[in-house]
C-alpha atoms as a PDB file:
ATOM      1  CA  MET A   1     -26.098  32.485 -31.394  1.00  0.00           C
ATOM      2  CA  THR A   2     -25.414  29.055 -29.897  1.00  0.00           C
ATOM      3  CA  ASP A   3     -23.270  28.865 -26.821  1.00  0.00           C
ATOM      4  CA  ILE A   4     -20.498  26.306 -26.946  1.00  0.00           C
ATOM      5  CA  LEU A   5     -20.271  24.550 -23.615  1.00  0.00           C
ATOM      6  CA  ILE A   6     -16.804  23.339 -22.694  1.00  0.00           C
ATOM      7  CA  PRO A   7     -17.070  20.131 -20.647  1.00  0.00           C
ATOM      8  CA  SER A   8     -15.454  20.261 -17.252  1.00  0.00           C
ATOM      9  CA  LYS A   9     -12.024  18.749 -16.870  1.00  0.00           C
ATOM     10  CA  LYS A  10     -11.860  15.349 -15.190  1.00  0.00           C
ATOM     11  CA  ASN A  11      -9.765  15.294 -12.022  1.00  0.00           C
ATOM     12  CA  ILE A  12      -8.172  11.953 -11.200  1.00  0.00           C
ATOM     13  CA  ILE A  13      -6.358  11.111  -7.964  1.00  0.00           C
ATOM     14  CA  ILE A  14      -4.516   7.834  -8.306  1.00  0.00           C
ATOM     15  CA  ASP A  15      -1.671   5.835  -6.815  1.00  0.00           C
ATOM     16  CA  ALA A  16       0.445   2.865  -7.871  1.00  0.00           C
ATOM     17  CA  SER A  17      -1.895   0.245  -6.381  1.00  0.00           C
ATOM     18  CA  VAL A  18      -4.924   1.439  -8.321  1.00  0.00           C
ATOM     19  CA  LEU A  19      -2.980   2.035 -11.544  1.00  0.00           C
ATOM     20  CA  SER A  20      -1.353  -1.403 -11.474  1.00  0.00           C
ATOM     21  CA  SER A  21      -4.717  -3.000 -10.746  1.00  0.00           C
ATOM     22  CA  LEU A  22      -6.280  -1.080 -13.627  1.00  0.00           C
ATOM     23  CA  MET A  23      -3.560  -2.292 -15.986  1.00  0.00           C
ATOM     24  CA  SER A  24      -4.165  -5.855 -14.816  1.00  0.00           C
ATOM     25  CA  CYS A  25      -7.949  -6.164 -14.798  1.00  0.00           C
ATOM     26  CA  GLY A  26     -10.935  -3.840 -14.856  1.00  0.00           C
ATOM     27  CA  THR A  27     -13.106  -6.180 -12.786  1.00  0.00           C
ATOM     28  CA  LEU A  28     -10.433  -6.468 -10.102  1.00  0.00           C
ATOM     29  CA  THR A  29     -10.183  -2.669  -9.938  1.00  0.00           C
ATOM     30  CA  ASP A  30     -13.940  -2.249  -9.656  1.00  0.00           C
ATOM     31  CA  LEU A  31     -14.441  -4.845  -6.924  1.00  0.00           C
ATOM     32  CA  ARG A  32     -11.414  -3.890  -4.848  1.00  0.00           C
ATOM     33  CA  TYR A  33     -11.244  -0.110  -5.177  1.00  0.00           C
ATOM     34  CA  ASN A  34     -14.746   1.024  -6.145  1.00  0.00           C
ATOM     35  CA  HIS A  35     -16.767  -1.399  -3.997  1.00  0.00           C
ATOM     36  CA  ASN A  36     -14.009  -1.947  -1.382  1.00  0.00           C
ATOM     37  CA  PHE A  37     -14.500  -5.714  -1.165  1.00  0.00           C
ATOM     38  CA  ILE A  38     -11.935  -7.574   0.955  1.00  0.00           C
ATOM     39  CA  SER A  39     -11.728 -11.289   1.647  1.00  0.00           C
ATOM     40  CA  LEU A  40     -13.285 -12.659   4.835  1.00  0.00           C
ATOM     41  CA  ASP A  41     -10.134 -14.776   5.157  1.00  0.00           C
ATOM     42  CA  GLY A  42      -7.960 -11.697   5.627  1.00  0.00           C
ATOM     43  CA  LYS A  43      -4.557 -10.984   4.093  1.00  0.00           C
ATOM     44  CA  SER A  44      -2.403 -13.765   2.686  1.00  0.00           C
ATOM     45  CA  ASN A  45       0.575 -14.998   4.707  1.00  0.00           C
ATOM     46  CA  SER A  46       3.064 -13.190   2.459  1.00  0.00           C
ATOM     47  CA  LEU A  47       1.186  -9.901   2.853  1.00  0.00           C
ATOM     48  CA  GLU A  48       0.891 -10.341   6.618  1.00  0.00           C
ATOM     49  CA  VAL A  49       4.585 -10.972   7.254  1.00  0.00           C
ATOM     50  CA  GLY A  50       5.451  -8.188   4.815  1.00  0.00           C
ATOM     51  CA  SER A  51       3.197  -5.808   6.740  1.00  0.00           C
ATOM     52  CA  LEU A  52       4.766  -6.948  10.023  1.00  0.00           C
ATOM     53  CA  VAL A  53       8.252  -6.163   8.709  1.00  0.00           C
ATOM     54  CA  HIS A  54       7.091  -2.770   7.414  1.00  0.00           C
ATOM     55  CA  LYS A  55       5.574  -1.868  10.786  1.00  0.00           C
ATOM     56  CA  VAL A  56       8.711  -2.805  12.737  1.00  0.00           C
ATOM     57  CA  LEU A  57      10.928  -0.819  10.346  1.00  0.00           C
ATOM     58  CA  GLU A  58       8.529   2.129  10.394  1.00  0.00           C
ATOM     59  CA  VAL A  59       8.704   2.379  14.197  1.00  0.00           C
ATOM     60  CA  TYR A  60      12.478   1.917  14.175  1.00  0.00           C
ATOM     61  CA  HIS A  61      13.165   4.614  11.591  1.00  0.00           C
ATOM     62  CA  LYS A  62      10.746   7.090  13.187  1.00  0.00           C
ATOM     63  CA  ASN A  63      12.587   6.590  16.473  1.00  0.00           C
ATOM     64  CA  MET A  64      15.905   7.187  14.733  1.00  0.00           C
ATOM     65  CA  VAL A  65      14.600  10.364  13.076  1.00  0.00           C
ATOM     66  CA  ASN A  66      13.612  11.540  16.566  1.00  0.00           C
ATOM     67  CA  LYS A  67      17.202  10.973  17.760  1.00  0.00           C
ATOM     68  CA  ILE A  68      16.377   8.031  20.027  1.00  0.00           C
ATOM     69  CA  LYS A  69      19.301   5.745  20.819  1.00  0.00           C
ATOM     70  CA  ARG A  70      19.562   2.909  18.294  1.00  0.00           C
ATOM     71  CA  SER A  71      19.249   0.098  20.841  1.00  0.00           C
ATOM     72  CA  ASP A  72      16.105   1.715  22.270  1.00  0.00           C
ATOM     73  CA  ALA A  73      14.732   2.292  18.773  1.00  0.00           C
ATOM     74  CA  ILE A  74      15.119  -1.416  18.013  1.00  0.00           C
ATOM     75  CA  SER A  75      13.464  -2.402  21.308  1.00  0.00           C
ATOM     76  CA  ASN A  76      10.538  -0.059  20.646  1.00  0.00           C
ATOM     77  CA  ALA A  77      10.184  -1.425  17.123  1.00  0.00           C
ATOM     78  CA  PHE A  78       9.964  -5.043  18.294  1.00  0.00           C
ATOM     79  CA  LEU A  79       7.513  -4.056  21.014  1.00  0.00           C
ATOM     80  CA  MET A  80       5.157  -2.611  18.411  1.00  0.00           C
ATOM     81  CA  GLY A  81       5.823  -5.624  16.230  1.00  0.00           C
ATOM     82  CA  ASP A  82       4.463  -7.791  19.040  1.00  0.00           C
ATOM     83  CA  THR A  83       1.379  -5.567  19.171  1.00  0.00           C
ATOM     84  CA  TYR A  84       0.971  -6.001  15.412  1.00  0.00           C
ATOM     85  CA  ILE A  85       1.088  -9.783  15.818  1.00  0.00           C
ATOM     86  CA  ARG A  86      -1.427  -9.916  18.689  1.00  0.00           C
ATOM     87  CA  GLY A  87      -3.626  -7.120  17.378  1.00  0.00           C
ATOM     88  CA  CYS A  88      -5.227  -4.177  19.125  1.00  0.00           C
ATOM     89  CA  SER A  89      -8.895  -4.574  19.970  1.00  0.00           C
ATOM     90  CA  TYR A  90      -9.443  -0.819  20.146  1.00  0.00           C
ATOM     91  CA  CYS A  91      -8.337   0.183  16.646  1.00  0.00           C
ATOM     92  CA  THR A  92      -9.292  -3.015  14.777  1.00  0.00           C
ATOM     93  CA  ASP A  93     -12.549  -2.450  12.860  1.00  0.00           C
ATOM     94  CA  PHE A  94     -12.974   0.890  14.626  1.00  0.00           C
ATOM     95  CA  GLU A  95     -15.905   3.016  13.493  1.00  0.00           C
ATOM     96  CA  PRO A  96     -16.428   6.615  14.690  1.00  0.00           C
ATOM     97  CA  ILE A  97     -19.307   7.115  17.124  1.00  0.00           C
ATOM     98  CA  HIS A  98     -21.364  10.298  16.738  1.00  0.00           C
ATOM     99  CA  ASP A  99     -23.598  11.700  19.459  1.00  0.00           C
ATOM    100  CA  ILE A 100     -26.376  13.029  17.231  1.00  0.00           C
ATOM    101  CA  LEU A 101     -29.044  15.198  18.839  1.00  0.00           C
ATOM    102  CA  GLU A 102     -32.714  14.860  17.908  1.00  0.00           C
ATOM    103  CA  MET A 103     -32.772  18.290  16.266  1.00  0.00           C
ATOM    104  CA  GLU A 104     -29.694  17.379  14.209  1.00  0.00           C
ATOM    105  CA  LYS A 105     -31.558  14.323  12.910  1.00  0.00           C
ATOM    106  CA  ILE A 106     -34.450  16.533  11.822  1.00  0.00           C
ATOM    107  CA  LEU A 107     -32.173  19.073  10.155  1.00  0.00           C
ATOM    108  CA  ASN A 108     -29.884  16.358   8.780  1.00  0.00           C
ATOM    109  CA  ASP A 109     -26.951  18.349  10.082  1.00  0.00           C
ATOM    110  CA  HIS A 110     -24.394  17.373  12.707  1.00  0.00           C
ATOM    111  CA  ILE A 111     -21.460  19.090  14.375  1.00  0.00           C
ATOM    112  CA  CYS A 112     -19.081  16.843  16.288  1.00  0.00           C
ATOM    113  CA  LEU A 113     -18.653  17.771  19.955  1.00  0.00           C
ATOM    114  CA  ASP A 114     -16.848  16.217  22.939  1.00  0.00           C
ATOM    115  CA  LYS A 115     -19.169  13.212  23.163  1.00  0.00           C
ATOM    116  CA  CYS A 116     -18.338  12.090  19.632  1.00  0.00           C
ATOM    117  CA  ILE A 117     -15.637   9.411  19.501  1.00  0.00           C
ATOM    118  CA  LEU A 118     -13.673   9.974  16.318  1.00  0.00           C
ATOM    119  CA  LYS A 119     -10.449   8.083  17.082  1.00  0.00           C
ATOM    120  CA  PRO A 120      -9.618   4.802  18.846  1.00  0.00           C
ATOM    121  CA  LYS A 121      -8.671   5.365  22.485  1.00  0.00           C
ATOM    122  CA  CYS A 122      -5.442   3.422  21.928  1.00  0.00           C
ATOM    123  CA  GLY A 123      -4.152   6.333  19.859  1.00  0.00           C
ATOM    124  CA  HIS A 124      -3.545   4.160  16.785  1.00  0.00           C
ATOM    125  CA  SER A 125      -5.021   4.790  13.379  1.00  0.00           C
ATOM    126  CA  PRO A 126      -8.068   2.602  12.585  1.00  0.00           C
ATOM    127  CA  ASN A 127      -6.934  -0.951  11.748  1.00  0.00           C
ATOM    128  CA  GLU A 128      -3.271  -0.050  12.266  1.00  0.00           C
ATOM    129  CA  TYR A 129      -2.716  -3.157  14.406  1.00  0.00           C
ATOM    130  CA  PRO A 130      -5.187  -5.783  13.124  1.00  0.00           C
ATOM    131  CA  GLY A 131      -3.314  -8.876  14.317  1.00  0.00           C
ATOM    132  CA  LEU A 132      -2.168 -11.827  12.208  1.00  0.00           C
ATOM    133  CA  SER A 133      -4.811 -14.348  11.157  1.00  0.00           C
ATOM    134  CA  ASN A 134      -3.019 -16.352   8.444  1.00  0.00           C
ATOM    135  CA  THR A 135       0.506 -16.449   9.837  1.00  0.00           C
ATOM    136  CA  PRO A 136       1.602 -19.205  12.259  1.00  0.00           C
ATOM    137  CA  GLN A 137       4.207 -18.738  14.958  1.00  0.00           C
ATOM    138  CA  GLU A 138       6.567 -21.260  13.337  1.00  0.00           C
ATOM    139  CA  SER A 139       7.236 -21.517   9.617  1.00  0.00           C
ATOM    140  CA  ASP A 140       6.039 -24.515   7.639  1.00  0.00           C
ATOM    141  CA  ARG A 141       6.350 -25.603   4.025  1.00  0.00           C
ATOM    142  CA  SER A 142       4.000 -22.993   2.639  1.00  0.00           C
ATOM    143  CA  LYS A 143       3.978 -20.200   5.220  1.00  0.00           C
ATOM    144  CA  THR A 144       6.543 -17.950   6.871  1.00  0.00           C
ATOM    145  CA  GLY A 145       6.066 -17.858  10.629  1.00  0.00           C
ATOM    146  CA  TRP A 146       6.035 -14.552  12.494  1.00  0.00           C
ATOM    147  CA  LYS A 147       8.797 -15.819  14.774  1.00  0.00           C
ATOM    148  CA  TRP A 148      11.131 -16.246  11.810  1.00  0.00           C
ATOM    149  CA  ALA A 149      10.114 -12.832  10.442  1.00  0.00           C
ATOM    150  CA  LEU A 150      11.235 -11.245  13.719  1.00  0.00           C
ATOM    151  CA  THR A 151      14.453 -13.284  13.718  1.00  0.00           C
ATOM    152  CA  THR A 152      15.130 -12.056  10.178  1.00  0.00           C
ATOM    153  CA  LEU A 153      14.687  -8.482  11.374  1.00  0.00           C
ATOM    154  CA  GLU A 154      17.178  -9.083  14.184  1.00  0.00           C
ATOM    155  CA  GLN A 155      19.666 -10.248  11.554  1.00  0.00           C
ATOM    156  CA  TYR A 156      18.811  -7.194   9.425  1.00  0.00           C
ATOM    157  CA  PHE A 157      19.487  -4.738  12.251  1.00  0.00           C
ATOM    158  CA  ASP A 158      22.781  -6.451  13.041  1.00  0.00           C
ATOM    159  CA  TYR A 159      23.844  -6.504   9.383  1.00  0.00           C
ATOM    160  CA  TYR A 160      23.257  -2.756   9.007  1.00  0.00           C
ATOM    161  CA  LYS A 161      24.555  -1.755  12.442  1.00  0.00           C
ATOM    162  CA  ASN A 162      27.186   0.511  10.842  1.00  0.00           C
ATOM    163  CA  ASP A 163      24.811   1.972   8.265  1.00  0.00           C
ATOM    164  CA  SER A 164      25.891   5.473   7.199  1.00  0.00           C
ATOM    165  CA  TRP A 165      22.595   6.389   5.528  1.00  0.00           C
ATOM    166  CA  VAL A 166      20.566   9.092   7.272  1.00  0.00           C
ATOM    167  CA  THR A 167      16.798   8.657   7.260  1.00  0.00           C
ATOM    168  CA  LEU A 168      15.000  11.950   6.624  1.00  0.00           C
ATOM    169  CA  GLU A 169      11.320  10.944   6.400  1.00  0.00           C
ATOM    170  CA  VAL A 170       9.338   7.818   7.232  1.00  0.00           C
ATOM    171  CA  GLU A 171       5.975   6.664   5.821  1.00  0.00           C
ATOM    172  CA  VAL A 172       5.058  10.020   4.317  1.00  0.00           C
ATOM    173  CA  VAL A 173       2.464  10.526   1.605  1.00  0.00           C
ATOM    174  CA  LYS A 174       3.444  12.936  -1.143  1.00  0.00           C
ATOM    175  CA  LYS A 175       1.225  14.162  -3.964  1.00  0.00           C
ATOM    176  CA  GLU A 176       1.713  16.156  -7.117  1.00  0.00           C
ATOM    177  CA  ILE A 177      -0.079  16.851 -10.390  1.00  0.00           C
ATOM    178  CA  LEU A 178       1.926  14.894 -12.954  1.00  0.00           C
ATOM    179  CA  TYR A 179      -0.218  15.448 -16.038  1.00  0.00           C
ATOM    180  CA  GLU A 180      -2.810  17.870 -17.376  1.00  0.00           C
ATOM    181  CA  ASP A 181      -4.429  18.465 -20.750  1.00  0.00           C
ATOM    182  CA  ASP A 182      -7.756  19.849 -21.984  1.00  0.00           C
ATOM    183  CA  ASP A 183      -9.668  16.772 -20.768  1.00  0.00           C
ATOM    184  CA  ILE A 184      -7.976  15.469 -17.661  1.00  0.00           C
ATOM    185  CA  ARG A 185      -5.841  16.458 -14.678  1.00  0.00           C
ATOM    186  CA  ILE A 186      -3.965  13.709 -12.831  1.00  0.00           C
ATOM    187  CA  MET A 187      -2.705  13.944  -9.279  1.00  0.00           C
ATOM    188  CA  TRP A 188      -0.306  11.175  -8.295  1.00  0.00           C
ATOM    189  CA  LYS A 189      -0.035  10.097  -4.668  1.00  0.00           C
ATOM    190  CA  ALA A 190       2.838   8.040  -3.327  1.00  0.00           C
ATOM    191  CA  LYS A 191       3.471   6.676   0.140  1.00  0.00           C
ATOM    192  CA  LEU A 192       7.222   6.435   0.688  1.00  0.00           C
ATOM    193  CA  ASP A 193       8.581   3.870   3.130  1.00  0.00           C
ATOM    194  CA  ARG A 194      11.354   6.365   3.809  1.00  0.00           C
ATOM    195  CA  THR A 195      13.654   8.874   2.162  1.00  0.00           C
ATOM    196  CA  VAL A 196      17.365   8.749   2.877  1.00  0.00           C
ATOM    197  CA  ASP A 197      20.497  10.800   2.427  1.00  0.00           C
ATOM    198  CA  THR A 198      23.171   8.390   1.168  1.00  0.00           C
ATOM    199  CA  ASN A 199      25.884  11.077   0.879  1.00  0.00           C
ATOM    200  CA  GLN A 200      25.433  10.740  -2.890  1.00  0.00           C
ATOM    201  CA  GLY A 201      21.960  12.225  -2.927  1.00  0.00           C
ATOM    202  CA  ILE A 202      18.489  12.012  -1.413  1.00  0.00           C
ATOM    203  CA  PHE A 203      16.487   9.034  -2.656  1.00  0.00           C
ATOM    204  CA  PRO A 204      13.241   7.192  -1.912  1.00  0.00           C
ATOM    205  CA  VAL A 205      13.655   3.719  -0.388  1.00  0.00           C
ATOM    206  CA  ASP A 206      11.076   0.982  -0.828  1.00  0.00           C
ATOM    207  CA  VAL A 207      11.174  -2.155   1.348  1.00  0.00           C
ATOM    208  CA  LYS A 208      10.421  -5.464  -0.338  1.00  0.00           C
ATOM    209  CA  THR A 209      10.227  -8.793   1.499  1.00  0.00           C
ATOM    210  CA  MET A 210      10.590 -12.089  -0.342  1.00  0.00           C
ATOM    211  CA  LYS A 211      10.888 -15.831   0.163  1.00  0.00           C
ATOM    212  CA  VAL A 212      12.990 -16.390  -2.952  1.00  0.00           C
ATOM    213  CA  ARG A 213      15.501 -14.162  -4.684  1.00  0.00           C
ATOM    214  CA  ARG A 214      14.166 -12.273  -7.682  1.00  0.00           C
ATOM    215  CA  ASP A 215      15.713  -9.806 -10.051  1.00  0.00           C
ATOM    216  CA  THR A 216      14.346  -6.290  -9.685  1.00  0.00           C
ATOM    217  CA  VAL A 217      12.231  -5.214 -12.660  1.00  0.00           C
ATOM    218  CA  SER A 218      12.277  -1.501 -13.445  1.00  0.00           C
ATOM    219  CA  LEU A 219       8.912  -1.662 -15.250  1.00  0.00           C
ATOM    220  CA  ASN A 220       7.117  -0.708 -12.062  1.00  0.00           C
ATOM    221  CA  ASN A 221       4.532   2.050 -11.549  1.00  0.00           C
ATOM    222  CA  GLN A 222       5.411   2.464  -7.893  1.00  0.00           C
ATOM    223  CA  PHE A 223       9.129   3.001  -8.524  1.00  0.00           C
ATOM    224  CA  ILE A 224       8.609   5.398 -11.429  1.00  0.00           C
ATOM    225  CA  GLY A 225       6.006   7.396  -9.539  1.00  0.00           C
ATOM    226  CA  GLN A 226       8.322   7.749  -6.557  1.00  0.00           C
ATOM    227  CA  CYS A 227      11.118   9.018  -8.784  1.00  0.00           C
ATOM    228  CA  LEU A 228       8.892  11.636 -10.373  1.00  0.00           C
ATOM    229  CA  ILE A 229       7.447  12.852  -7.114  1.00  0.00           C
ATOM    230  CA  MET A 230      10.905  13.040  -5.506  1.00  0.00           C
ATOM    231  CA  LYS A 231      12.510  14.708  -8.567  1.00  0.00           C
ATOM    232  CA  THR A 232      15.138  11.991  -8.864  1.00  0.00           C
ATOM    233  CA  ARG A 233      16.045   9.308 -11.401  1.00  0.00           C
ATOM    234  CA  ASN A 234      16.887   6.589  -8.883  1.00  0.00           C
ATOM    235  CA  VAL A 235      14.904   4.577  -6.362  1.00  0.00           C
ATOM    236  CA  ILE A 236      16.487   2.175  -3.851  1.00  0.00           C
ATOM    237  CA  ILE A 237      14.918  -1.214  -3.142  1.00  0.00           C
ATOM    238  CA  ASP A 238      15.707  -2.492   0.351  1.00  0.00           C
ATOM    239  CA  LYS A 239      15.344  -6.250  -0.101  1.00  0.00           C
ATOM    240  CA  ILE A 240      14.753  -8.457   2.928  1.00  0.00           C
ATOM    241  CA  GLY A 241      14.805 -12.200   2.312  1.00  0.00           C
ATOM    242  CA  PHE A 242      13.169 -14.813   4.524  1.00  0.00           C
ATOM    243  CA  GLN A 243      15.445 -17.595   3.276  1.00  0.00           C
ATOM    244  CA  THR A 244      16.852 -19.823   6.022  1.00  0.00           C
ATOM    245  CA  THR A 245      19.883 -21.068   4.075  1.00  0.00           C
ATOM    246  CA  LEU A 246      21.372 -17.769   2.898  1.00  0.00           C
ATOM    247  CA  GLU A 247      23.902 -15.620   4.697  1.00  0.00           C
ATOM    248  CA  PRO A 248      22.800 -12.062   5.615  1.00  0.00           C
ATOM    249  CA  LYS A 249      24.974 -10.605   2.829  1.00  0.00           C
ATOM    250  CA  ASP A 250      22.979 -12.628   0.313  1.00  0.00           C
ATOM    251  CA  LYS A 251      19.463 -11.947   1.591  1.00  0.00           C
ATOM    252  CA  PHE A 252      19.799  -8.297   2.612  1.00  0.00           C
ATOM    253  CA  LEU A 253      20.381  -6.305  -0.561  1.00  0.00           C
ATOM    254  CA  ARG A 254      19.955  -2.668  -1.435  1.00  0.00           C
ATOM    255  CA  THR A 255      19.414  -2.367  -5.162  1.00  0.00           C
ATOM    256  CA  VAL A 256      19.447   0.938  -6.997  1.00  0.00           C
ATOM    257  CA  VAL A 257      16.942   1.099  -9.854  1.00  0.00           C
ATOM    258  CA  PRO A 258      17.949   3.859 -12.313  1.00  0.00           C
ATOM    259  CA  TYR A 259      15.758   5.540 -14.916  1.00  0.00           C
ATOM    260  CA  SER A 260      16.609   7.725 -17.874  1.00  0.00           C
ATOM    261  CA  ALA A 261      14.847  11.061 -18.254  1.00  0.00           C
ATOM    262  CA  ASP A 262      13.113   9.778 -21.384  1.00  0.00           C
ATOM    263  CA  ARG A 263      11.641   6.704 -19.664  1.00  0.00           C
ATOM    264  CA  LEU A 264      10.235   8.844 -16.874  1.00  0.00           C
ATOM    265  CA  LEU A 265       8.790  11.307 -19.386  1.00  0.00           C
ATOM    266  CA  GLU A 266       7.213   8.522 -21.465  1.00  0.00           C
ATOM    267  CA  TRP A 267       5.449   7.126 -18.392  1.00  0.00           C
ATOM    268  CA  GLN A 268       4.349  10.564 -17.227  1.00  0.00           C
ATOM    269  CA  SER A 269       3.127  11.915 -20.556  1.00  0.00           C
ATOM    270  CA  ILE A 270       1.834   8.760 -22.304  1.00  0.00           C
ATOM    271  CA  THR A 271       1.370   5.703 -20.087  1.00  0.00           C
ATOM    272  CA  LEU A 272      -0.193   7.411 -17.063  1.00  0.00           C
ATOM    273  CA  PRO A 273      -2.733   9.573 -18.960  1.00  0.00           C
ATOM    274  CA  TYR A 274      -3.678   6.679 -21.269  1.00  0.00           C
ATOM    275  CA  TRP A 275      -4.692   4.446 -18.372  1.00  0.00           C
ATOM    276  CA  CYS A 276      -6.367   7.255 -16.464  1.00  0.00           C
ATOM    277  CA  LYS A 277      -8.507   7.996 -19.515  1.00  0.00           C
ATOM    278  CA  MET A 278      -9.353   4.287 -19.684  1.00  0.00           C
ATOM    279  CA  TYR A 279     -10.379   4.543 -16.028  1.00  0.00           C
ATOM    280  CA  VAL A 280     -12.721   7.421 -16.858  1.00  0.00           C
ATOM    281  CA  MET A 281     -14.216   5.419 -19.740  1.00  0.00           C
ATOM    282  CA  TYR A 282     -14.797   2.361 -17.520  1.00  0.00           C
ATOM    283  CA  TYR A 283     -16.373   4.567 -14.863  1.00  0.00           C
ATOM    284  CA  GLU A 284     -18.678   6.443 -17.217  1.00  0.00           C
ATOM    285  CA  THR A 285     -19.839   3.316 -19.057  1.00  0.00           C
ATOM    286  CA  GLY A 286     -20.126   1.253 -15.883  1.00  0.00           C
ATOM    287  CA  TYR A 287     -18.332  -1.631 -17.570  1.00  0.00           C
ATOM    288  CA  TRP A 288     -15.128  -2.933 -16.003  1.00  0.00           C
ATOM    289  CA  PRO A 289     -13.831  -5.668 -18.332  1.00  0.00           C
ATOM    290  CA  GLN A 290     -12.332  -8.935 -17.157  1.00  0.00           C
ATOM    291  CA  ASN A 291      -8.761  -9.811 -18.086  1.00  0.00           C
ATOM    292  CA  PHE A 292      -8.196 -13.558 -17.985  1.00  0.00           C
ATOM    293  CA  THR A 293      -4.426 -13.207 -18.299  1.00  0.00           C
ATOM    294  CA  HIS A 294      -4.239 -11.874 -14.735  1.00  0.00           C
ATOM    295  CA  CYS A 295      -6.225 -14.586 -12.935  1.00  0.00           C
ATOM    296  CA  GLU A 296      -2.939 -16.171 -11.825  1.00  0.00           C
ATOM    297  CA  ASN A 297       0.229 -14.213 -11.071  1.00  0.00           C
ATOM    298  CA  LYS A 298       3.410 -14.557  -9.011  1.00  0.00           C
ATOM    299  CA  PHE A 299       1.389 -14.117  -5.800  1.00  0.00           C
ATOM    300  CA  GLY A 300      -1.057 -16.904  -6.685  1.00  0.00           C
ATOM    301  CA  MET A 301      -4.659 -16.733  -7.811  1.00  0.00           C
ATOM    302  CA  CYS A 302      -6.614 -13.493  -7.972  1.00  0.00           C
ATOM    303  CA  THR A 303      -8.754 -12.944  -4.873  1.00  0.00           C
ATOM    304  CA  PHE A 304     -11.848 -12.549  -7.050  1.00  0.00           C
ATOM    305  CA  LYS A 305     -11.232 -15.554  -9.312  1.00  0.00           C
ATOM    306  CA  GLY A 306     -14.226 -17.412  -7.854  1.00  0.00           C
ATOM    307  CA  ILE A 307     -16.483 -14.443  -8.526  1.00  0.00           C
ATOM    308  CA  CYS A 308     -15.589 -14.312 -12.214  1.00  0.00           C
ATOM    309  CA  GLU A 309     -16.014 -18.090 -12.488  1.00  0.00           C
ATOM    310  CA  SER A 310     -19.597 -17.794 -11.233  1.00  0.00           C
ATOM    311  CA  ASP A 311     -22.620 -17.087 -13.420  1.00  0.00           C
ATOM    312  CA  ARG A 312     -23.552 -13.420 -13.487  1.00  0.00           C
ATOM    313  CA  GLY A 313     -26.743 -14.050 -11.529  1.00  0.00           C
ATOM    314  CA  MET A 314     -24.781 -15.721  -8.734  1.00  0.00           C
ATOM    315  CA  ARG A 315     -21.941 -13.235  -8.306  1.00  0.00           C
ATOM    316  CA  GLU A 316     -23.708 -11.023  -5.774  1.00  0.00           C
ATOM    317  CA  GLU A 317     -24.370 -14.061  -3.578  1.00  0.00           C
ATOM    318  CA  GLU A 318     -20.749 -15.207  -3.909  1.00  0.00           C
ATOM    319  CA  LEU A 319     -19.554 -11.773  -2.815  1.00  0.00           C
ATOM    320  CA  LYS A 320     -21.794 -11.920   0.274  1.00  0.00           C
ATOM    321  CA  LEU A 321     -20.466 -15.376   1.173  1.00  0.00           C
ATOM    322  CA  HIS A 322     -16.734 -14.737   0.788  1.00  0.00           C
ATOM    323  CA  PHE A 323     -16.158 -10.990   1.068  1.00  0.00           C
ATOM    324  CA  LYS A 324     -16.981  -8.014   3.219  1.00  0.00           C
ATOM    325  CA  VAL A 325     -16.933  -4.296   2.538  1.00  0.00           C
ATOM    326  CA  GLY A 326     -13.787  -2.757   3.985  1.00  0.00           C
ATOM    327  CA  GLN A 327     -12.745   0.835   4.449  1.00  0.00           C
ATOM    328  CA  ALA A 328     -12.906   3.036   1.385  1.00  0.00           C
ATOM    329  CA  TRP A 329      -9.560   2.999  -0.378  1.00  0.00           C
ATOM    330  CA  GLU A 330      -7.541   6.147   0.089  1.00  0.00           C
ATOM    331  CA  PRO A 331      -4.689   6.385  -2.426  1.00  0.00           C
ATOM    332  CA  SER A 332      -1.459   5.186  -0.825  1.00  0.00           C
ATOM    333  CA  ASP A 333      -3.077   3.460   2.143  1.00  0.00           C
ATOM    334  CA  ASP A 334      -1.493   0.108   3.019  1.00  0.00           C
END
């Protein structure tokens, strides 16, 4: 009698960043999330000022959750914003240091003791305060200055000084198995900027910074994933505009993005598993196809455009010249 071997089920852990990248381009996904390549030039200006705003709001809301007086919470937030701008030498590019004994080398076994340095002495997470490298102090034609970003936040805090929403959680990572069949099990991870009680319900809030006003598009993996993981059909987008000519009421908007039960189910039961199975196929074949329709998007050119434009024999050299290997991507890291 021949035994029938049932292949093991594939377990996938994925977040919105990886899924959206996978939908856009296989090569981009492979270089960024499998090989962890990041540009030697650092983040773009838009990403840097967006990260600065997120950090200030994170500190502010955590202070508020801990019942700290609002004025002190704002002061603490701007203080850490200044640290984010300047950077922290202790946590930037931090690597753990292990005190490995000679016998441990022989046995290839190590147990961390007091002499091992596993965390930066500043108390921050590794690379939590990297400093700004592509953001000037003052704004110019093409870049938003960090000074204006902080001024915008001052306007934001003043505009919402009578805010009735109660923040419940800040920068938490939630995870849940959203799909499972005979072949695959998918765990979705989502990092929520915050969750709030609006008196009409508890909803996830996602902060988005922008230089120009844009309509909110509901076809968004991040928004849908947050709804499913929070067991709600609405996500709130907290828009913060860097425009200099608009009044606060026009550049600080909180937009509710609603979803029907059917749209959420379609994404959960069809879209998500389809792309995760494509991910497994790419991984097992070792081929991550290019997608030329994504080389240019609303954020500009793809970071790896120059790599794909090079001959195959030259791509490894191009990667060495313009990229470095960063920290391994953990779903829902910033």
